[in-house]
Structures are given as C-alpha cells and as structure tokens.
Amino acid sequence: MNEARPIYKSVSDLSGSNLRSLYDSFDSSIATLDCGKRYAPHNPNGKLFCCDTCHAVPAAYQGEWKYLKDNTQLWHTWRGHECTNTSGEERARLKAETPKEMILLACLGPSRCEREFRALSCRQFPFFSYVSSDYRFLGLVYEWEFESKCRVISNLSSVTQTYRDEFVRTYDRLFALFQTEFDNYAYHSEKLRAEFLRRKKRFPLLHRNGATYLVSPGRGRFHRIDATELPRFAPYR
C-alpha cells in the first residue's frame, strides 16, 4: 500500500484568516526588557536596529503582503532608496537573496508601529528556525550578522519561554504546510554552520525542548549551557 504524503502548497496561498491566526498566536514580547529607550541611541538613526530598514529589511510572504496591504497603511514595498547609503549593489544583493515566495517591505517606522500588523519576519527577529544537517527543526538561532547591533543576541537569557514556545509552534505550523519554507531555513542553517565553522566556534541554540546549547558546527555535537554564560558583543557587554 502506498504511504500517504502531505500535499504541500505555495506559501503565497496563506489566507487572511490563517495569517491572523498565526499573528495572534505569535504576539508575545521577545523579552521582559524594553530595548527602545536604552539601546536605540547605539544606532545613529536613533532607532533600534531591528526597526530600522537601513539595517534590517523585513520580508513577507506574497499572501502575507496581500493581507497587510488590505488591512493597514503601515507597510509599503521596499524600493531600495529609503536610505541614502543603500547602494545599487546592495539593493541587487538583497533582492537576489530574497526567496521567490517573499517580497521585501518597509514600514513607517517604530513610532507608528501597529503591533497587531507586524510581519512574521519582524516577530521572529533576530532569530530564525534552525534546521539540523539531518533535517530536523530544533529551535531558534540568531542572525549572526546582527551580533553587534541587537541587544537580545547578547542577552539570550532574557528571551522568555513564552516567546520561544510561540516561535516553535508557529514554524511547526508553517513547515507542516509548506515544504519550500522548510527548505529555505535548511539552507540558511547551512550558511550558519559554515560561518561558525570558519570562526572555529560553536553557536548557541535555544532548543525547542526549553534548554540552551552550544552546537558544534562541524560534528553537530550539543553542549548544554546556562544562557547567562553565553558571550556578549560590544556595545552590549
């Protein structure tokens, strides 16, 4: 007898009701500390790096963009000239690296944020789903390019368990529906391992089981650690 297999669809097929459900179940603050007043001054633009399109350009699924466009004025498609220091080469690179199922967006800024209409990419930042070399979704890892910009990366112990649980449940739902989404994160996880292999360092993993580990990028070995012992990066030491 043939084994039953899931029928995968395009991420662009996400409907408004599906998105609202995902948003509502992934809405907790990432940490108890309010980063804004204390850490925004580290950015010359006066904004948190995660809320500044000049440093972090959000991406949305095509279906997600349709939902946002129909329900809020917060977002517009990223044009690439919102920031004067964005070169043509940088614009081309960002567009080339964006999965075809997604579109780059820009918002009106943190002072006009509507939290209920934050894109999934905003809700997950600075993390992404870690897929191991044997294709298992194991938890949260951080975007390594933001080590010197994001306060949360230097304070992983401040990430709440509620946020971690919501993150895992959200991407379990997405991965169950969309194979391409899982594949995209598997590829990004490969890039993470290559980067830390180059550095000859282990990377932190906020595991879906609630524990925190340092992971060997080569052999994939896990070393359990207290999150308060993880390294910090300037200027957040």
C-alpha atoms as a PDB file:
ATOM      1  CA  MET A   1       0.000   0.000   0.000  1.00  0.00           C
ATOM      2  CA  ASN A   2       1.324   3.453  -0.877  1.00  0.00           C
ATOM      3  CA  GLU A   3       2.313   5.667   2.057  1.00  0.00           C
ATOM      4  CA  ALA A   4       0.170   8.791   2.421  1.00  0.00           C
ATOM      5  CA  ARG A   5       2.074  12.028   1.901  1.00  0.00           C
ATOM      6  CA  PRO A   6       1.175  15.636   2.729  1.00  0.00           C
ATOM      7  CA  ILE A   7       0.096  17.911  -0.092  1.00  0.00           C
ATOM      8  CA  TYR A   8       2.316  20.965   0.083  1.00  0.00           C
ATOM      9  CA  LYS A   9       1.166  24.326  -1.214  1.00  0.00           C
ATOM     10  CA  SER A  10       2.844  27.619  -2.008  1.00  0.00           C
ATOM     11  CA  VAL A  11       3.448  29.964   0.905  1.00  0.00           C
ATOM     12  CA  SER A  12       1.684  32.615  -1.150  1.00  0.00           C
ATOM     13  CA  ASP A  13      -1.517  30.640  -0.551  1.00  0.00           C
ATOM     14  CA  LEU A  14      -1.619  31.842   3.074  1.00  0.00           C
ATOM     15  CA  SER A  15      -5.047  33.346   3.593  1.00  0.00           C
ATOM     16  CA  GLY A  16      -6.019  36.292   5.745  1.00  0.00           C
ATOM     17  CA  SER A  17      -7.642  34.048   8.358  1.00  0.00           C
ATOM     18  CA  ASN A  18      -4.541  31.828   8.512  1.00  0.00           C
ATOM     19  CA  LEU A  19      -2.295  34.847   8.924  1.00  0.00           C
ATOM     20  CA  ARG A  20      -4.443  36.420  11.608  1.00  0.00           C
ATOM     21  CA  SER A  21      -4.321  33.143  13.494  1.00  0.00           C
ATOM     22  CA  LEU A  22      -0.531  32.967  13.141  1.00  0.00           C
ATOM     23  CA  TYR A  23      -0.127  36.590  14.224  1.00  0.00           C
ATOM     24  CA  ASP A  24      -2.392  36.189  17.252  1.00  0.00           C
ATOM     25  CA  SER A  25      -0.556  33.088  18.442  1.00  0.00           C
ATOM     26  CA  PHE A  26       2.899  34.645  17.936  1.00  0.00           C
ATOM     27  CA  ASP A  27       2.438  38.005  19.633  1.00  0.00           C
ATOM     28  CA  SER A  28       4.413  37.875  22.884  1.00  0.00           C
ATOM     29  CA  SER A  29       7.287  40.245  23.542  1.00  0.00           C
ATOM     30  CA  ILE A  30      10.635  38.638  22.952  1.00  0.00           C
ATOM     31  CA  ALA A  31      11.984  39.673  26.364  1.00  0.00           C
ATOM     32  CA  THR A  32      10.838  41.432  29.511  1.00  0.00           C
ATOM     33  CA  LEU A  33      13.204  44.374  28.995  1.00  0.00           C
ATOM     34  CA  ASP A  34      12.110  47.283  26.792  1.00  0.00           C
ATOM     35  CA  CYS A  35      15.053  47.773  24.421  1.00  0.00           C
ATOM     36  CA  GLY A  36      13.849  51.047  22.911  1.00  0.00           C
ATOM     37  CA  LYS A  37      14.868  53.830  25.272  1.00  0.00           C
ATOM     38  CA  ARG A  38      18.053  52.166  26.468  1.00  0.00           C
ATOM     39  CA  TYR A  39      19.513  50.777  23.245  1.00  0.00           C
ATOM     40  CA  ALA A  40      18.167  52.865  20.340  1.00  0.00           C
ATOM     41  CA  PRO A  41      20.922  55.515  20.906  1.00  0.00           C
ATOM     42  CA  HIS A  42      23.503  52.947  19.753  1.00  0.00           C
ATOM     43  CA  ASN A  43      22.130  53.475  16.244  1.00  0.00           C
ATOM     44  CA  PRO A  44      22.981  56.897  14.721  1.00  0.00           C
ATOM     45  CA  ASN A  45      19.480  56.912  13.222  1.00  0.00           C
ATOM     46  CA  GLY A  46      18.005  56.909  16.730  1.00  0.00           C
ATOM     47  CA  LYS A  47      16.009  53.697  16.175  1.00  0.00           C
ATOM     48  CA  LEU A  48      16.534  50.155  17.294  1.00  0.00           C
ATOM     49  CA  PHE A  49      18.443  48.350  14.552  1.00  0.00           C
ATOM     50  CA  CYS A  50      15.653  45.792  14.237  1.00  0.00           C
ATOM     51  CA  CYS A  51      13.163  48.604  13.461  1.00  0.00           C
ATOM     52  CA  ASP A  52      15.444  50.432  11.028  1.00  0.00           C
ATOM     53  CA  THR A  53      15.063  49.446   7.368  1.00  0.00           C
ATOM     54  CA  CYS A  54      18.528  50.857   6.745  1.00  0.00           C
ATOM     55  CA  HIS A  55      19.892  47.889   8.695  1.00  0.00           C
ATOM     56  CA  ALA A  56      17.229  45.168   8.569  1.00  0.00           C
ATOM     57  CA  VAL A  57      14.824  44.912   5.641  1.00  0.00           C
ATOM     58  CA  PRO A  58      11.735  42.837   6.532  1.00  0.00           C
ATOM     59  CA  ALA A  59      10.414  40.263   4.085  1.00  0.00           C
ATOM     60  CA  ALA A  60       6.857  38.973   3.848  1.00  0.00           C
ATOM     61  CA  TYR A  61       5.231  36.076   2.057  1.00  0.00           C
ATOM     62  CA  GLN A  62       3.258  37.106  -1.004  1.00  0.00           C
ATOM     63  CA  GLY A  63      -0.007  36.118   0.695  1.00  0.00           C
ATOM     64  CA  GLU A  64       1.082  37.920   3.832  1.00  0.00           C
ATOM     65  CA  TRP A  65       1.761  41.109   1.874  1.00  0.00           C
ATOM     66  CA  LYS A  66      -1.720  40.955   0.379  1.00  0.00           C
ATOM     67  CA  TYR A  67      -3.219  40.653   3.860  1.00  0.00           C
ATOM     68  CA  LEU A  68      -1.171  43.558   5.219  1.00  0.00           C
ATOM     69  CA  LYS A  69      -1.905  45.754   2.207  1.00  0.00           C
ATOM     70  CA  ASP A  70      -5.635  45.160   2.644  1.00  0.00           C
ATOM     71  CA  ASN A  71      -5.686  45.860   6.387  1.00  0.00           C
ATOM     72  CA  THR A  72      -3.129  48.534   7.245  1.00  0.00           C
ATOM     73  CA  GLN A  73      -1.201  51.501   5.860  1.00  0.00           C
ATOM     74  CA  LEU A  74       1.850  50.549   7.906  1.00  0.00           C
ATOM     75  CA  TRP A  75       3.758  48.864   5.065  1.00  0.00           C
ATOM     76  CA  HIS A  76       4.866  49.531   1.510  1.00  0.00           C
ATOM     77  CA  THR A  77       7.073  47.557  -0.832  1.00  0.00           C
ATOM     78  CA  TRP A  78      10.753  48.217  -0.265  1.00  0.00           C
ATOM     79  CA  ARG A  79      12.020  50.487  -3.023  1.00  0.00           C
ATOM     80  CA  GLY A  80      15.679  50.408  -2.091  1.00  0.00           C
ATOM     81  CA  HIS A  81      16.095  54.163  -1.802  1.00  0.00           C
ATOM     82  CA  GLU A  82      14.520  54.660   1.644  1.00  0.00           C
ATOM     83  CA  CYS A  83      18.080  55.049   2.943  1.00  0.00           C
ATOM     84  CA  THR A  84      20.633  57.229   1.179  1.00  0.00           C
ATOM     85  CA  ASN A  85      23.501  54.856   1.992  1.00  0.00           C
ATOM     86  CA  THR A  86      21.945  51.855   0.217  1.00  0.00           C
ATOM     87  CA  SER A  87      23.982  51.277  -2.913  1.00  0.00           C
ATOM     88  CA  GLY A  88      22.706  49.771  -6.129  1.00  0.00           C
ATOM     89  CA  GLU A  89      24.901  46.753  -5.475  1.00  0.00           C
ATOM     90  CA  GLU A  90      23.353  46.292  -2.033  1.00  0.00           C
ATOM     91  CA  ARG A  91      19.825  46.580  -3.420  1.00  0.00           C
ATOM     92  CA  ALA A  92      20.601  43.954  -6.043  1.00  0.00           C
ATOM     93  CA  ARG A  93      22.122  41.624  -3.443  1.00  0.00           C
ATOM     94  CA  LEU A  94      19.143  41.852  -1.114  1.00  0.00           C
ATOM     95  CA  LYS A  95      16.678  41.191  -3.914  1.00  0.00           C
ATOM     96  CA  ALA A  96      18.729  38.250  -5.184  1.00  0.00           C
ATOM     97  CA  GLU A  97      18.855  36.705  -1.695  1.00  0.00           C
ATOM     98  CA  THR A  98      15.107  37.032  -1.131  1.00  0.00           C
ATOM     99  CA  PRO A  99      13.224  33.758  -1.733  1.00  0.00           C
ATOM    100  CA  LYS A 100      10.844  33.949  -4.667  1.00  0.00           C
ATOM    101  CA  GLU A 101       7.909  33.315  -2.316  1.00  0.00           C
ATOM    102  CA  MET A 102       8.661  36.545  -0.464  1.00  0.00           C
ATOM    103  CA  ILE A 103       8.718  40.293  -1.040  1.00  0.00           C
ATOM    104  CA  LEU A 104      10.823  42.957   0.688  1.00  0.00           C
ATOM    105  CA  LEU A 105       8.885  45.558   2.661  1.00  0.00           C
ATOM    106  CA  ALA A 106       9.460  48.820   4.510  1.00  0.00           C
ATOM    107  CA  CYS A 107       7.298  50.240   7.290  1.00  0.00           C
ATOM    108  CA  LEU A 108       6.510  53.696   8.598  1.00  0.00           C
ATOM    109  CA  GLY A 109       8.931  53.269  11.496  1.00  0.00           C
ATOM    110  CA  PRO A 110       8.743  52.298  15.181  1.00  0.00           C
ATOM    111  CA  SER A 111       6.914  55.453  16.241  1.00  0.00           C
ATOM    112  CA  ARG A 112       3.977  54.443  14.025  1.00  0.00           C
ATOM    113  CA  CYS A 113       4.156  50.682  14.533  1.00  0.00           C
ATOM    114  CA  GLU A 114       0.895  48.757  14.741  1.00  0.00           C
ATOM    115  CA  ARG A 115       1.930  45.674  16.690  1.00  0.00           C
ATOM    116  CA  GLU A 116      -1.032  43.613  15.529  1.00  0.00           C
ATOM    117  CA  PHE A 117       0.172  44.034  11.935  1.00  0.00           C
ATOM    118  CA  ARG A 118       3.839  43.227  12.402  1.00  0.00           C
ATOM    119  CA  ALA A 119       5.080  40.818   9.726  1.00  0.00           C
ATOM    120  CA  LEU A 120       6.237  37.354  10.758  1.00  0.00           C
ATOM    121  CA  SER A 121       9.805  38.359   9.912  1.00  0.00           C
ATOM    122  CA  CYS A 122       9.538  41.163  12.489  1.00  0.00           C
ATOM    123  CA  ARG A 123       8.110  38.831  15.107  1.00  0.00           C
ATOM    124  CA  GLN A 124      10.931  36.322  14.687  1.00  0.00           C
ATOM    125  CA  PHE A 125      13.832  38.811  14.533  1.00  0.00           C
ATOM    126  CA  PRO A 126      16.690  38.385  15.458  1.00  0.00           C
ATOM    127  CA  PHE A 127      16.065  34.643  15.258  1.00  0.00           C
ATOM    128  CA  PHE A 128      15.381  32.117  12.560  1.00  0.00           C
ATOM    129  CA  SER A 129      14.395  28.466  12.625  1.00  0.00           C
ATOM    130  CA  TYR A 130      17.373  26.138  12.933  1.00  0.00           C
ATOM    131  CA  VAL A 131      17.225  23.020  10.770  1.00  0.00           C
ATOM    132  CA  SER A 132      19.939  20.464  11.558  1.00  0.00           C
ATOM    133  CA  SER A 133      22.040  18.707   8.939  1.00  0.00           C
ATOM    134  CA  ASP A 134      19.723  15.697   9.286  1.00  0.00           C
ATOM    135  CA  TYR A 135      16.704  17.940   8.555  1.00  0.00           C
ATOM    136  CA  ARG A 136      15.114  18.429  11.959  1.00  0.00           C
ATOM    137  CA  PHE A 137      13.687  21.725  13.172  1.00  0.00           C
ATOM    138  CA  LEU A 138      15.381  22.011  16.569  1.00  0.00           C
ATOM    139  CA  GLY A 139      14.704  25.556  17.744  1.00  0.00           C
ATOM    140  CA  LEU A 140      15.918  29.142  17.471  1.00  0.00           C
ATOM    141  CA  VAL A 141      19.295  30.505  16.376  1.00  0.00           C
ATOM    142  CA  TYR A 142      20.203  34.135  15.798  1.00  0.00           C
ATOM    143  CA  GLU A 143      21.083  36.060  12.651  1.00  0.00           C
ATOM    144  CA  TRP A 144      24.832  36.268  13.102  1.00  0.00           C
ATOM    145  CA  GLU A 145      25.235  39.472  11.076  1.00  0.00           C
ATOM    146  CA  PHE A 146      23.468  41.366  13.872  1.00  0.00           C
ATOM    147  CA  GLU A 147      25.726  40.370  16.772  1.00  0.00           C
ATOM    148  CA  SER A 148      26.971  43.936  17.255  1.00  0.00           C
ATOM    149  CA  LYS A 149      23.558  45.520  16.649  1.00  0.00           C
ATOM    150  CA  CYS A 150      20.920  43.567  18.558  1.00  0.00           C
ATOM    151  CA  ARG A 151      20.817  43.685  22.333  1.00  0.00           C
ATOM    152  CA  VAL A 152      18.857  40.413  22.531  1.00  0.00           C
ATOM    153  CA  ILE A 153      21.698  38.454  20.906  1.00  0.00           C
ATOM    154  CA  SER A 154      23.972  39.490  23.772  1.00  0.00           C
ATOM    155  CA  ASN A 155      21.303  38.621  26.334  1.00  0.00           C
ATOM    156  CA  LEU A 156      19.796  35.342  25.190  1.00  0.00           C
ATOM    157  CA  SER A 157      18.899  34.511  28.787  1.00  0.00           C
ATOM    158  CA  SER A 158      16.320  37.329  28.657  1.00  0.00           C
ATOM    159  CA  VAL A 159      14.285  35.627  25.921  1.00  0.00           C
ATOM    160  CA  THR A 160      11.087  34.414  27.556  1.00  0.00           C
ATOM    161  CA  GLN A 161       9.959  30.813  27.423  1.00  0.00           C
ATOM    162  CA  THR A 162       6.559  32.024  26.222  1.00  0.00           C
ATOM    163  CA  TYR A 163       8.178  33.627  23.184  1.00  0.00           C
ATOM    164  CA  ARG A 164      10.257  30.526  22.490  1.00  0.00           C
ATOM    165  CA  ASP A 165       7.184  28.292  22.657  1.00  0.00           C
ATOM    166  CA  GLU A 166       5.183  30.584  20.363  1.00  0.00           C
ATOM    167  CA  PHE A 167       8.041  30.687  17.864  1.00  0.00           C
ATOM    168  CA  VAL A 168       8.299  26.904  17.690  1.00  0.00           C
ATOM    169  CA  ARG A 169       4.541  26.384  17.386  1.00  0.00           C
ATOM    170  CA  THR A 170       4.306  28.968  14.602  1.00  0.00           C
ATOM    171  CA  TYR A 171       7.012  27.409  12.471  1.00  0.00           C
ATOM    172  CA  ASP A 172       5.805  23.890  13.177  1.00  0.00           C
ATOM    173  CA  ARG A 173       2.539  25.012  11.576  1.00  0.00           C
ATOM    174  CA  LEU A 174       4.247  26.645   8.608  1.00  0.00           C
ATOM    175  CA  PHE A 175       6.615  23.747   7.972  1.00  0.00           C
ATOM    176  CA  ALA A 176       3.734  21.273   8.078  1.00  0.00           C
ATOM    177  CA  LEU A 177       2.117  23.162   5.207  1.00  0.00           C
ATOM    178  CA  PHE A 178       4.983  24.484   3.104  1.00  0.00           C
ATOM    179  CA  GLN A 179       7.974  22.359   2.123  1.00  0.00           C
ATOM    180  CA  THR A 180       9.721  25.268   0.417  1.00  0.00           C
ATOM    181  CA  GLU A 181       9.713  27.212   3.670  1.00  0.00           C
ATOM    182  CA  PHE A 182      11.433  24.347   5.485  1.00  0.00           C
ATOM    183  CA  ASP A 183      13.963  24.074   2.653  1.00  0.00           C
ATOM    184  CA  ASN A 184      14.740  27.806   2.831  1.00  0.00           C
ATOM    185  CA  TYR A 185      15.561  27.559   6.530  1.00  0.00           C
ATOM    186  CA  ALA A 186      17.573  24.384   5.987  1.00  0.00           C
ATOM    187  CA  TYR A 187      19.706  26.320   3.508  1.00  0.00           C
ATOM    188  CA  HIS A 188      20.081  29.292   5.866  1.00  0.00           C
ATOM    189  CA  SER A 189      21.078  26.909   8.655  1.00  0.00           C
ATOM    190  CA  GLU A 190      23.803  25.513   6.399  1.00  0.00           C
ATOM    191  CA  LYS A 191      25.138  29.049   5.976  1.00  0.00           C
ATOM    192  CA  LEU A 192      25.142  29.478   9.759  1.00  0.00           C
ATOM    193  CA  ARG A 193      27.157  26.294  10.235  1.00  0.00           C
ATOM    194  CA  ALA A 194      29.621  27.360   7.552  1.00  0.00           C
ATOM    195  CA  GLU A 195      30.089  30.757   9.213  1.00  0.00           C
ATOM    196  CA  PHE A 196      30.783  29.325  12.658  1.00  0.00           C
ATOM    197  CA  LEU A 197      32.995  26.627  11.193  1.00  0.00           C
ATOM    198  CA  ARG A 198      35.022  29.427   9.620  1.00  0.00           C
ATOM    199  CA  ARG A 199      35.214  31.151  13.008  1.00  0.00           C
ATOM    200  CA  LYS A 200      36.100  27.842  14.700  1.00  0.00           C
ATOM    201  CA  LYS A 201      33.390  28.490  17.282  1.00  0.00           C
ATOM    202  CA  ARG A 202      30.184  26.850  18.442  1.00  0.00           C
ATOM    203  CA  PHE A 203      26.862  28.630  18.031  1.00  0.00           C
ATOM    204  CA  PRO A 204      24.043  28.973  20.581  1.00  0.00           C
ATOM    205  CA  LEU A 205      20.746  27.161  20.077  1.00  0.00           C
ATOM    206  CA  LEU A 206      17.576  27.889  22.024  1.00  0.00           C
ATOM    207  CA  HIS A 207      16.291  24.351  21.732  1.00  0.00           C
ATOM    208  CA  ARG A 208      12.637  23.512  21.325  1.00  0.00           C
ATOM    209  CA  ASN A 209      12.894  21.388  24.492  1.00  0.00           C
ATOM    210  CA  GLY A 210      13.424  24.564  26.559  1.00  0.00           C
ATOM    211  CA  ALA A 211      17.156  24.114  27.133  1.00  0.00           C
ATOM    212  CA  THR A 212      20.030  26.139  25.665  1.00  0.00           C
ATOM    213  CA  TYR A 213      23.008  24.530  23.925  1.00  0.00           C
ATOM    214  CA  LEU A 214      26.250  25.355  22.208  1.00  0.00           C
ATOM    215  CA  VAL A 215      26.371  23.388  18.961  1.00  0.00           C
ATOM    216  CA  SER A 216      29.488  22.278  17.128  1.00  0.00           C
ATOM    217  CA  PRO A 217      29.056  23.422  13.504  1.00  0.00           C
ATOM    218  CA  GLY A 218      31.063  20.510  12.149  1.00  0.00           C
ATOM    219  CA  ARG A 219      30.007  17.441  14.085  1.00  0.00           C
ATOM    220  CA  GLY A 220      26.730  18.797  15.394  1.00  0.00           C
ATOM    221  CA  ARG A 221      27.529  17.927  18.994  1.00  0.00           C
ATOM    222  CA  PHE A 222      25.466  19.604  21.716  1.00  0.00           C
ATOM    223  CA  HIS A 223      26.797  21.059  24.950  1.00  0.00           C
ATOM    224  CA  ARG A 224      24.146  22.221  27.376  1.00  0.00           C
ATOM    225  CA  ILE A 225      24.854  25.616  28.885  1.00  0.00           C
ATOM    226  CA  ASP A 226      23.260  28.231  31.092  1.00  0.00           C
ATOM    227  CA  ALA A 227      22.194  31.052  28.753  1.00  0.00           C
ATOM    228  CA  THR A 228      23.672  33.620  31.155  1.00  0.00           C
ATOM    229  CA  GLU A 229      27.132  32.220  30.325  1.00  0.00           C
ATOM    230  CA  LEU A 230      26.894  32.877  26.582  1.00  0.00           C
ATOM    231  CA  PRO A 231      29.179  35.540  25.071  1.00  0.00           C
ATOM    232  CA  ARG A 232      28.127  39.159  24.712  1.00  0.00           C
ATOM    233  CA  PHE A 233      29.077  41.527  21.944  1.00  0.00           C
ATOM    234  CA  ALA A 234      30.002  45.210  22.008  1.00  0.00           C
ATOM    235  CA  PRO A 235      28.361  47.584  22.739  1.00  0.00           C
ATOM    236  CA  TYR A 236      26.074  45.384  24.861  1.00  0.00           C
ATOM    237  CA  ARG A 237      28.653  43.802  27.165  1.00  0.00           C
END
